[in-house]
PDB file of N, CA and C in Angstrom:
ATOM      1  N   MET A   1      -1.115 -25.411 -32.831  1.00  0.00           N
ATOM      2  CA  MET A   1      -2.506 -25.029 -33.897  1.00  0.00           C
ATOM      3  C   MET A   1      -2.595 -25.823 -34.972  1.00  0.00           C
ATOM      4  N   LYS A   2      -3.932 -26.466 -35.157  1.00  0.00           N
ATOM      5  CA  LYS A   2      -3.850 -26.908 -36.358  1.00  0.00           C
ATOM      6  C   LYS A   2      -4.070 -25.538 -37.657  1.00  0.00           C
ATOM      7  N   PRO A   3      -3.053 -25.938 -38.746  1.00  0.00           N
ATOM      8  CA  PRO A   3      -2.858 -25.404 -40.105  1.00  0.00           C
ATOM      9  C   PRO A   3      -3.894 -24.699 -40.546  1.00  0.00           C
ATOM     10  N   TYR A   4      -5.104 -25.976 -40.536  1.00  0.00           N
ATOM     11  CA  TYR A   4      -6.064 -25.337 -41.139  1.00  0.00           C
ATOM     12  C   TYR A   4      -7.160 -24.299 -40.868  1.00  0.00           C
ATOM     13  N   ARG A   5      -6.566 -24.551 -39.296  1.00  0.00           N
ATOM     14  CA  ARG A   5      -7.750 -23.478 -38.585  1.00  0.00           C
ATOM     15  C   ARG A   5      -6.976 -21.903 -38.145  1.00  0.00           C
ATOM     16  N   ARG A   6      -5.846 -22.000 -38.653  1.00  0.00           N
ATOM     17  CA  ARG A   6      -5.177 -20.811 -38.795  1.00  0.00           C
ATOM     18  C   ARG A   6      -4.886 -20.005 -39.724  1.00  0.00           C
ATOM     19  N   ARG A   7      -4.856 -20.541 -40.851  1.00  0.00           N
ATOM     20  CA  ARG A   7      -5.269 -19.521 -41.869  1.00  0.00           C
ATOM     21  C   ARG A   7      -6.411 -18.540 -42.077  1.00  0.00           C
ATOM     22  N   PRO A   8      -7.243 -19.203 -41.638  1.00  0.00           N
ATOM     23  CA  PRO A   8      -8.738 -18.030 -41.849  1.00  0.00           C
ATOM     24  C   PRO A   8      -8.435 -16.774 -41.330  1.00  0.00           C
ATOM     25  N   GLY A   9      -7.484 -17.140 -39.798  1.00  0.00           N
ATOM     26  CA  GLY A   9      -7.091 -15.719 -39.130  1.00  0.00           C
ATOM     27  C   GLY A   9      -5.631 -15.233 -39.816  1.00  0.00           C
ATOM     28  N   VAL A  10      -5.208 -15.727 -40.475  1.00  0.00           N
ATOM     29  CA  VAL A  10      -3.887 -15.344 -41.235  1.00  0.00           C
ATOM     30  C   VAL A  10      -4.486 -14.376 -42.112  1.00  0.00           C
ATOM     31  N   MET A  11      -5.231 -14.734 -42.827  1.00  0.00           N
ATOM     32  CA  MET A  11      -5.897 -14.258 -44.260  1.00  0.00           C
ATOM     33  C   MET A  11      -6.499 -12.961 -43.721  1.00  0.00           C
ATOM     34  N   LYS A  12      -7.495 -12.827 -42.838  1.00  0.00           N
ATOM     35  CA  LYS A  12      -8.103 -11.888 -42.321  1.00  0.00           C
ATOM     36  C   LYS A  12      -7.008 -10.579 -41.764  1.00  0.00           C
ATOM     37  N   ALA A  13      -6.085 -11.293 -40.793  1.00  0.00           N
ATOM     38  CA  ALA A  13      -5.333 -10.127 -40.372  1.00  0.00           C
ATOM     39  C   ALA A  13      -4.536  -9.317 -41.364  1.00  0.00           C
ATOM     40  N   LEU A  14      -3.966 -10.661 -42.269  1.00  0.00           N
ATOM     41  CA  LEU A  14      -3.135  -9.841 -43.705  1.00  0.00           C
ATOM     42  C   LEU A  14      -4.337  -8.530 -44.472  1.00  0.00           C
ATOM     43  N   LYS A  15      -5.888  -8.868 -44.672  1.00  0.00           N
ATOM     44  CA  LYS A  15      -6.345  -7.878 -44.930  1.00  0.00           C
ATOM     45  C   LYS A  15      -6.736  -6.237 -44.056  1.00  0.00           C
ATOM     46  N   VAL A  16      -6.872  -6.915 -43.020  1.00  0.00           N
ATOM     47  CA  VAL A  16      -6.389  -5.505 -42.200  1.00  0.00           C
ATOM     48  C   VAL A  16      -5.095  -4.816 -42.077  1.00  0.00           C
ATOM     49  N   LEU A  17      -4.103  -5.870 -42.361  1.00  0.00           N
ATOM     50  CA  LEU A  17      -2.600  -4.905 -42.213  1.00  0.00           C
ATOM     51  C   LEU A  17      -2.830  -4.392 -43.530  1.00  0.00           C
ATOM     52  N   LYS A  18      -3.517  -4.451 -44.397  1.00  0.00           N
ATOM     53  CA  LYS A  18      -3.307  -3.892 -45.722  1.00  0.00           C
ATOM     54  C   LYS A  18      -3.466  -2.755 -46.273  1.00  0.00           C
ATOM     55  N   ILE A  19      -5.133  -2.881 -45.787  1.00  0.00           N
ATOM     56  CA  ILE A  19      -6.017  -1.500 -44.964  1.00  0.00           C
ATOM     57  C   ILE A  19      -5.059  -0.441 -44.689  1.00  0.00           C
ATOM     58  N   TRP A  20      -4.819  -1.243 -43.383  1.00  0.00           N
ATOM     59  CA  TRP A  20      -3.702  -0.360 -42.911  1.00  0.00           C
ATOM     60  C   TRP A  20      -2.559   0.453 -43.133  1.00  0.00           C
ATOM     61  N   SER A  21      -2.269  -0.536 -44.214  1.00  0.00           N
ATOM     62  CA  SER A  21      -0.846   0.237 -44.658  1.00  0.00           C
ATOM     63  C   SER A  21      -1.698   0.606 -45.580  1.00  0.00           C
ATOM     64  N   ASP A  22      -1.969   1.130 -46.952  1.00  0.00           N
ATOM     65  CA  ASP A  22      -2.747   2.187 -47.427  1.00  0.00           C
ATOM     66  C   ASP A  22      -3.280   3.360 -46.986  1.00  0.00           C
ATOM     67  N   ALA A  23      -3.676   3.363 -46.068  1.00  0.00           N
ATOM     68  CA  ALA A  23      -4.316   4.470 -45.231  1.00  0.00           C
ATOM     69  C   ALA A  23      -3.414   5.344 -44.267  1.00  0.00           C
ATOM     70  N   GLU A  24      -2.248   4.587 -44.083  1.00  0.00           N
ATOM     71  CA  GLU A  24      -1.041   5.214 -42.957  1.00  0.00           C
ATOM     72  C   GLU A  24      -0.007   5.559 -44.219  1.00  0.00           C
ATOM     73  N   GLY A  25       0.540   4.790 -44.967  1.00  0.00           N
ATOM     74  CA  GLY A  25       1.491   4.436 -46.078  1.00  0.00           C
ATOM     75  C   GLY A  25       2.637   4.359 -45.537  1.00  0.00           C
ATOM     76  N   GLN A  26       2.440   2.823 -44.556  1.00  0.00           N
ATOM     77  CA  GLN A  26       3.527   2.137 -43.543  1.00  0.00           C
ATOM     78  C   GLN A  26       3.158   0.925 -44.541  1.00  0.00           C
ATOM     79  N   ASP A  27       4.467   0.165 -44.256  1.00  0.00           N
ATOM     80  CA  ASP A  27       4.234  -1.371 -44.694  1.00  0.00           C
ATOM     81  C   ASP A  27       3.598  -2.250 -43.919  1.00  0.00           C
ATOM     82  N   TYR A  28       2.698  -2.482 -43.171  1.00  0.00           N
ATOM     83  CA  TYR A  28       2.624  -3.013 -41.965  1.00  0.00           C
ATOM     84  C   TYR A  28       2.854  -4.738 -42.104  1.00  0.00           C
ATOM     85  N   VAL A  29       2.519  -5.106 -43.523  1.00  0.00           N
ATOM     86  CA  VAL A  29       2.412  -6.673 -44.135  1.00  0.00           C
ATOM     87  C   VAL A  29       3.850  -6.854 -44.351  1.00  0.00           C
ATOM     88  N   ASP A  30       4.607  -6.180 -44.185  1.00  0.00           N
ATOM     89  CA  ASP A  30       5.893  -6.194 -44.377  1.00  0.00           C
ATOM     90  C   ASP A  30       6.460  -6.570 -43.164  1.00  0.00           C
ATOM     91  N   GLU A  31       6.149  -5.921 -41.948  1.00  0.00           N
ATOM     92  CA  GLU A  31       6.344  -6.279 -40.679  1.00  0.00           C
ATOM     93  C   GLU A  31       5.377  -7.770 -40.041  1.00  0.00           C
ATOM     94  N   PHE A  32       4.724  -7.591 -40.603  1.00  0.00           N
ATOM     95  CA  PHE A  32       3.981  -9.047 -40.297  1.00  0.00           C
ATOM     96  C   PHE A  32       4.851 -10.199 -40.932  1.00  0.00           C
ATOM     97  N   ASN A  33       5.220 -10.495 -42.058  1.00  0.00           N
ATOM     98  CA  ASN A  33       6.428 -10.801 -42.264  1.00  0.00           C
ATOM     99  C   ASN A  33       7.418 -11.149 -41.855  1.00  0.00           C
ATOM    100  N   HIS A  34       8.360 -10.150 -41.166  1.00  0.00           N
ATOM    101  CA  HIS A  34       9.273 -10.204 -40.501  1.00  0.00           C
ATOM    102  C   HIS A  34       9.220 -10.254 -38.743  1.00  0.00           C
ATOM    103  N   ASN A  35       7.908 -10.776 -38.610  1.00  0.00           N
ATOM    104  CA  ASN A  35       7.577 -11.897 -37.134  1.00  0.00           C
ATOM    105  C   ASN A  35       7.254 -10.145 -36.148  1.00  0.00           C
ATOM    106  N   THR A  36       6.710  -9.464 -36.410  1.00  0.00           N
ATOM    107  CA  THR A  36       6.493  -8.153 -35.665  1.00  0.00           C
ATOM    108  C   THR A  36       5.771  -8.725 -34.499  1.00  0.00           C
ATOM    109  N   ASN A  37       5.746  -8.553 -33.502  1.00  0.00           N
ATOM    110  CA  ASN A  37       5.180  -9.590 -32.365  1.00  0.00           C
ATOM    111  C   ASN A  37       3.254  -8.691 -32.280  1.00  0.00           C
ATOM    112  N   TRP A  38       3.223  -7.361 -32.669  1.00  0.00           N
ATOM    113  CA  TRP A  38       1.460  -6.859 -32.611  1.00  0.00           C
ATOM    114  C   TRP A  38       1.239  -7.378 -33.707  1.00  0.00           C
ATOM    115  N   THR A  39       1.658  -7.308 -34.622  1.00  0.00           N
ATOM    116  CA  THR A  39       1.226  -7.768 -36.108  1.00  0.00           C
ATOM    117  C   THR A  39       0.670  -9.191 -35.742  1.00  0.00           C
ATOM    118  N   LYS A  40       1.688 -10.183 -35.343  1.00  0.00           N
ATOM    119  CA  LYS A  40       1.037 -11.422 -35.026  1.00  0.00           C
ATOM    120  C   LYS A  40       0.071 -11.775 -33.981  1.00  0.00           C
ATOM    121  N   ARG A  41      -0.162 -10.774 -33.511  1.00  0.00           N
ATOM    122  CA  ARG A  41      -1.338 -11.012 -32.670  1.00  0.00           C
ATOM    123  C   ARG A  41      -2.995 -10.495 -33.366  1.00  0.00           C
ATOM    124  N   MET A  42      -2.710 -10.090 -34.267  1.00  0.00           N
ATOM    125  CA  MET A  42      -3.769  -9.519 -35.154  1.00  0.00           C
ATOM    126  C   MET A  42      -4.473 -10.837 -35.648  1.00  0.00           C
ATOM    127  N   VAL A  43      -3.749 -11.935 -35.612  1.00  0.00           N
ATOM    128  CA  VAL A  43      -4.575 -13.421 -36.275  1.00  0.00           C
ATOM    129  C   VAL A  43      -5.068 -13.856 -35.633  1.00  0.00           C
ATOM    130  N   ASN A  44      -5.235 -13.590 -33.524  1.00  0.00           N
ATOM    131  CA  ASN A  44      -6.305 -14.485 -32.745  1.00  0.00           C
ATOM    132  C   ASN A  44      -7.302 -12.697 -32.884  1.00  0.00           C
ATOM    133  N   THR A  45      -7.203 -11.685 -32.752  1.00  0.00           N
ATOM    134  CA  THR A  45      -7.822 -10.552 -32.566  1.00  0.00           C
ATOM    135  C   THR A  45      -7.553  -9.128 -33.418  1.00  0.00           C
ATOM    136  N   ARG A  46      -8.718  -8.988 -34.032  1.00  0.00           N
ATOM    137  CA  ARG A  46      -8.370  -7.796 -35.000  1.00  0.00           C
ATOM    138  C   ARG A  46      -8.585  -6.577 -34.353  1.00  0.00           C
ATOM    139  N   CYS A  47      -8.828  -6.891 -33.282  1.00  0.00           N
ATOM    140  CA  CYS A  47      -8.551  -5.441 -32.387  1.00  0.00           C
ATOM    141  C   CYS A  47      -7.554  -5.462 -31.468  1.00  0.00           C
ATOM    142  N   PRO A  48      -6.416  -4.520 -31.032  1.00  0.00           N
ATOM    143  CA  PRO A  48      -5.481  -5.166 -30.615  1.00  0.00           C
ATOM    144  C   PRO A  48      -5.772  -4.800 -28.858  1.00  0.00           C
ATOM    145  N   CYS A  49      -6.705  -3.815 -28.775  1.00  0.00           N
ATOM    146  CA  CYS A  49      -6.957  -3.378 -26.902  1.00  0.00           C
ATOM    147  C   CYS A  49      -8.605  -2.943 -27.264  1.00  0.00           C
ATOM    148  N   SER A  50      -8.816  -3.091 -25.968  1.00  0.00           N
ATOM    149  CA  SER A  50     -10.111  -2.688 -25.759  1.00  0.00           C
ATOM    150  C   SER A  50     -10.606  -1.111 -24.994  1.00  0.00           C
ATOM    151  N   CYS A  51      -9.777   0.054 -25.583  1.00  0.00           N
ATOM    152  CA  CYS A  51      -9.550   1.232 -25.116  1.00  0.00           C
ATOM    153  C   CYS A  51     -10.671   1.539 -25.707  1.00  0.00           C
ATOM    154  N   SER A  52     -11.076   2.869 -25.195  1.00  0.00           N
ATOM    155  CA  SER A  52     -12.215   3.774 -25.881  1.00  0.00           C
ATOM    156  C   SER A  52     -11.904   4.449 -27.443  1.00  0.00           C
ATOM    157  N   CYS A  53     -10.374   4.120 -27.484  1.00  0.00           N
ATOM    158  CA  CYS A  53     -10.217   5.081 -28.800  1.00  0.00           C
ATOM    159  C   CYS A  53     -10.228   3.546 -29.808  1.00  0.00           C
ATOM    160  N   CYS A  54     -10.305   2.475 -29.463  1.00  0.00           N
ATOM    161  CA  CYS A  54     -10.213   1.340 -30.208  1.00  0.00           C
ATOM    162  C   CYS A  54     -11.609   0.729 -30.339  1.00  0.00           C
ATOM    163  N   GLY A  55     -12.633   1.273 -29.845  1.00  0.00           N
ATOM    164  CA  GLY A  55     -13.888   1.066 -29.986  1.00  0.00           C
ATOM    165  C   GLY A  55     -14.815   1.045 -28.599  1.00  0.00           C
ATOM    166  N   ASN A  56     -14.587   0.033 -27.756  1.00  0.00           N
ATOM    167  CA  ASN A  56     -14.819  -0.063 -26.598  1.00  0.00           C
ATOM    168  C   ASN A  56     -15.447   0.896 -26.060  1.00  0.00           C
ATOM    169  N   MET A  57     -16.731   1.804 -25.874  1.00  0.00           N
ATOM    170  CA  MET A  57     -16.999   2.862 -25.734  1.00  0.00           C
ATOM    171  C   MET A  57     -17.319   2.673 -23.841  1.00  0.00           C
ATOM    172  N   ARG A  58     -17.649   1.122 -23.710  1.00  0.00           N
ATOM    173  CA  ARG A  58     -17.661   1.149 -22.335  1.00  0.00           C
ATOM    174  C   ARG A  58     -16.294   1.359 -21.237  1.00  0.00           C
ATOM    175  N   ASN A  59     -15.359   1.326 -21.536  1.00  0.00           N
ATOM    176  CA  ASN A  59     -14.084   1.531 -21.006  1.00  0.00           C
ATOM    177  C   ASN A  59     -13.762   3.171 -20.902  1.00  0.00           C
ATOM    178  N   ASP A  60     -14.585   3.670 -21.227  1.00  0.00           N
ATOM    179  CA  ASP A  60     -14.294   5.227 -21.236  1.00  0.00           C
ATOM    180  C   ASP A  60     -14.969   5.922 -20.075  1.00  0.00           C
ATOM    181  N   LYS A  61     -13.962   6.091 -18.907  1.00  0.00           N
ATOM    182  CA  LYS A  61     -14.085   6.423 -17.595  1.00  0.00           C
ATOM    183  C   LYS A  61     -14.699   8.019 -17.447  1.00  0.00           C
ATOM    184  N   TRP A  62     -14.437   8.544 -18.607  1.00  0.00           N
ATOM    185  CA  TRP A  62     -14.895  10.258 -18.169  1.00  0.00           C
ATOM    186  C   TRP A  62     -16.129  10.164 -19.008  1.00  0.00           C
ATOM    187  N   GLU A  63     -16.716   9.506 -19.314  1.00  0.00           N
ATOM    188  CA  GLU A  63     -18.540   9.643 -20.186  1.00  0.00           C
ATOM    189  C   GLU A  63     -19.215   9.342 -18.871  1.00  0.00           C
ATOM    190  N   SER A  64     -20.819   9.599 -19.133  1.00  0.00           N
ATOM    191  CA  SER A  64     -21.251   9.531 -18.677  1.00  0.00           C
ATOM    192  C   SER A  64     -21.854   7.899 -18.660  1.00  0.00           C
ATOM    193  N   HIS A  65     -23.104   7.402 -17.812  1.00  0.00           N
ATOM    194  CA  HIS A  65     -23.033   5.944 -18.320  1.00  0.00           C
ATOM    195  C   HIS A  65     -24.006   6.487 -19.285  1.00  0.00           C
ATOM    196  N   LYS A  66     -24.870   7.172 -19.658  1.00  0.00           N
ATOM    197  CA  LYS A  66     -25.612   7.285 -20.880  1.00  0.00           C
ATOM    198  C   LYS A  66     -24.443   7.026 -22.085  1.00  0.00           C
ATOM    199  N   ASP A  67     -23.936   8.028 -21.928  1.00  0.00           N
ATOM    200  CA  ASP A  67     -22.842   7.948 -23.652  1.00  0.00           C
ATOM    201  C   ASP A  67     -22.464   6.332 -23.263  1.00  0.00           C
ATOM    202  N   ARG A  68     -22.152   5.929 -22.579  1.00  0.00           N
ATOM    203  CA  ARG A  68     -21.333   4.584 -22.322  1.00  0.00           C
ATOM    204  C   ARG A  68     -22.182   3.351 -22.857  1.00  0.00           C
ATOM    205  N   ILE A  69     -23.144   3.656 -23.180  1.00  0.00           N
ATOM    206  CA  ILE A  69     -23.963   2.424 -24.083  1.00  0.00           C
ATOM    207  C   ILE A  69     -24.320   2.519 -25.536  1.00  0.00           C
ATOM    208  N   SER A  70     -24.278   1.277 -26.038  1.00  0.00           N
ATOM    209  CA  SER A  70     -24.288   1.840 -27.862  1.00  0.00           C
ATOM    210  C   SER A  70     -25.900   1.815 -28.589  1.00  0.00           C
ATOM    211  N   ARG A  71     -25.601   1.849 -29.619  1.00  0.00           N
ATOM    212  CA  ARG A  71     -26.831   2.766 -30.320  1.00  0.00           C
ATOM    213  C   ARG A  71     -27.556   1.291 -29.948  1.00  0.00           C
ATOM    214  N   GLN A  72     -27.243  -0.042 -29.899  1.00  0.00           N
ATOM    215  CA  GLN A  72     -28.607  -0.933 -30.081  1.00  0.00           C
ATOM    216  C   GLN A  72     -28.881  -0.758 -28.836  1.00  0.00           C
ATOM    217  N   GLU A  73     -28.308  -0.725 -27.726  1.00  0.00           N
ATOM    218  CA  GLU A  73     -28.721  -0.643 -26.520  1.00  0.00           C
ATOM    219  C   GLU A  73     -29.791   0.480 -25.913  1.00  0.00           C
ATOM    220  N   ARG A  74     -29.515   1.831 -26.735  1.00  0.00           N
ATOM    221  CA  ARG A  74     -30.859   2.955 -26.551  1.00  0.00           C
ATOM    222  C   ARG A  74     -31.709   2.935 -27.389  1.00  0.00           C
ATOM    223  N   ARG A  75     -31.682   2.161 -28.563  1.00  0.00           N
ATOM    224  CA  ARG A  75     -32.681   1.735 -29.206  1.00  0.00           C
ATOM    225  C   ARG A  75     -33.672   0.860 -28.595  1.00  0.00           C
ATOM    226  N   SER A  76     -33.114  -0.549 -27.621  1.00  0.00           N
ATOM    227  CA  SER A  76     -33.854  -1.222 -27.036  1.00  0.00           C
ATOM    228  C   SER A  76     -34.697  -0.431 -25.783  1.00  0.00           C
ATOM    229  N   GLU A  77     -34.027   0.169 -24.962  1.00  0.00           N
ATOM    230  CA  GLU A  77     -34.224   0.733 -24.183  1.00  0.00           C
ATOM    231  C   GLU A  77     -35.425   1.526 -24.589  1.00  0.00           C
ATOM    232  N   LEU A  78     -35.381   2.235 -25.796  1.00  0.00           N
ATOM    233  CA  LEU A  78     -36.879   2.953 -26.233  1.00  0.00           C
ATOM    234  C   LEU A  78     -37.894   2.394 -26.184  1.00  0.00           C
ATOM    235  N   SER A  79     -37.653   1.447 -27.019  1.00  0.00           N
ATOM    236  CA  SER A  79     -38.491   0.723 -27.703  1.00  0.00           C
ATOM    237  C   SER A  79     -39.689  -0.325 -26.394  1.00  0.00           C
ATOM    238  N   PHE A  80     -38.471  -0.438 -25.289  1.00  0.00           N
ATOM    239  CA  PHE A  80     -39.361  -0.333 -23.740  1.00  0.00           C
ATOM    240  C   PHE A  80     -40.055   0.011 -23.116  1.00  0.00           C
ATOM    241  N   LYS A  81     -39.429   1.241 -23.200  1.00  0.00           N
ATOM    242  CA  LYS A  81     -40.328   2.620 -22.681  1.00  0.00           C
ATOM    243  C   LYS A  81     -41.853   2.900 -23.877  1.00  0.00           C
ATOM    244  N   GLU A  82     -41.521   2.935 -24.925  1.00  0.00           N
ATOM    245  CA  GLU A  82     -42.647   2.847 -25.540  1.00  0.00           C
ATOM    246  C   GLU A  82     -43.983   1.622 -25.371  1.00  0.00           C
ATOM    247  N   GLN A  83     -43.555   0.344 -25.484  1.00  0.00           N
ATOM    248  CA  GLN A  83     -44.196  -0.323 -25.040  1.00  0.00           C
ATOM    249  C   GLN A  83     -44.643  -0.229 -23.760  1.00  0.00           C
ATOM    250  N   ILE A  84     -44.192   0.168 -22.786  1.00  0.00           N
ATOM    251  CA  ILE A  84     -44.598   0.312 -21.384  1.00  0.00           C
ATOM    252  C   ILE A  84     -45.406   1.292 -21.347  1.00  0.00           C
ATOM    253  N   ALA A  85     -45.490   2.327 -22.039  1.00  0.00           N
ATOM    254  CA  ALA A  85     -46.269   3.734 -22.206  1.00  0.00           C
ATOM    255  C   ALA A  85     -47.847   3.605 -22.655  1.00  0.00           C
ATOM    256  N   ASP A  86     -47.591   2.438 -24.233  1.00  0.00           N
ATOM    257  CA  ASP A  86     -48.498   1.757 -24.964  1.00  0.00           C
ATOM    258  C   ASP A  86     -49.256   1.258 -23.960  1.00  0.00           C
ATOM    259  N   VAL A  87     -48.693   0.231 -23.131  1.00  0.00           N
ATOM    260  CA  VAL A  87     -49.565  -0.433 -22.034  1.00  0.00           C
ATOM    261  C   VAL A  87     -51.155   1.068 -20.874  1.00  0.00           C
ATOM    262  N   PHE A  88     -50.102   1.842 -20.568  1.00  0.00           N
ATOM    263  CA  PHE A  88     -50.384   2.440 -19.411  1.00  0.00           C
ATOM    264  C   PHE A  88     -51.740   3.101 -20.309  1.00  0.00           C
ATOM    265  N   THR A  89     -51.306   3.647 -21.859  1.00  0.00           N
ATOM    266  CA  THR A  89     -52.348   4.460 -22.439  1.00  0.00           C
ATOM    267  C   THR A  89     -53.675   3.975 -22.765  1.00  0.00           C
ATOM    268  N   GLN A  90     -53.662   1.928 -23.018  1.00  0.00           N
ATOM    269  CA  GLN A  90     -54.590   0.803 -23.256  1.00  0.00           C
ATOM    270  C   GLN A  90     -55.604   0.954 -21.714  1.00  0.00           C
ATOM    271  N   CYS A  91     -55.015   1.277 -20.671  1.00  0.00           N
ATOM    272  CA  CYS A  91     -55.383   0.753 -19.491  1.00  0.00           C
ATOM    273  C   CYS A  91     -56.055   1.582 -19.016  1.00  0.00           C
ATOM    274  N   ASP A  92     -55.739   2.797 -19.768  1.00  0.00           N
ATOM    275  CA  ASP A  92     -56.522   4.683 -19.107  1.00  0.00           C
ATOM    276  C   ASP A  92     -57.955   4.214 -20.135  1.00  0.00           C
ATOM    277  N   GLU A  93     -57.778   3.816 -21.110  1.00  0.00           N
ATOM    278  CA  GLU A  93     -58.469   4.134 -22.019  1.00  0.00           C
ATOM    279  C   GLU A  93     -59.659   3.520 -21.514  1.00  0.00           C
ATOM    280  N   GLU A  94     -59.547   1.521 -21.008  1.00  0.00           N
ATOM    281  CA  GLU A  94     -60.717   0.793 -20.546  1.00  0.00           C
ATOM    282  C   GLU A  94     -61.398   1.230 -18.970  1.00  0.00           C
TER     283      GLU A  94
END
């Protein structure tokens, strides 16, 4: 991998690990410097996994479909329903 492409990912990973270190009281930056595998994976992706605890609500099998969709998807569905309702009310007026 080219070093100039890797550097931004390393800097972002170090920022995230520093925030985690401040919040939890454990030195994750030191673990990064000592070549811990899971901290090195933070260079390519900031999210270590895609489970529901880490933020991907679609993988939560216990929730209903309505609870799995994001806020943006809910807004788009609501907007779509309102547009359809407006079309039907305009057709009824004519």
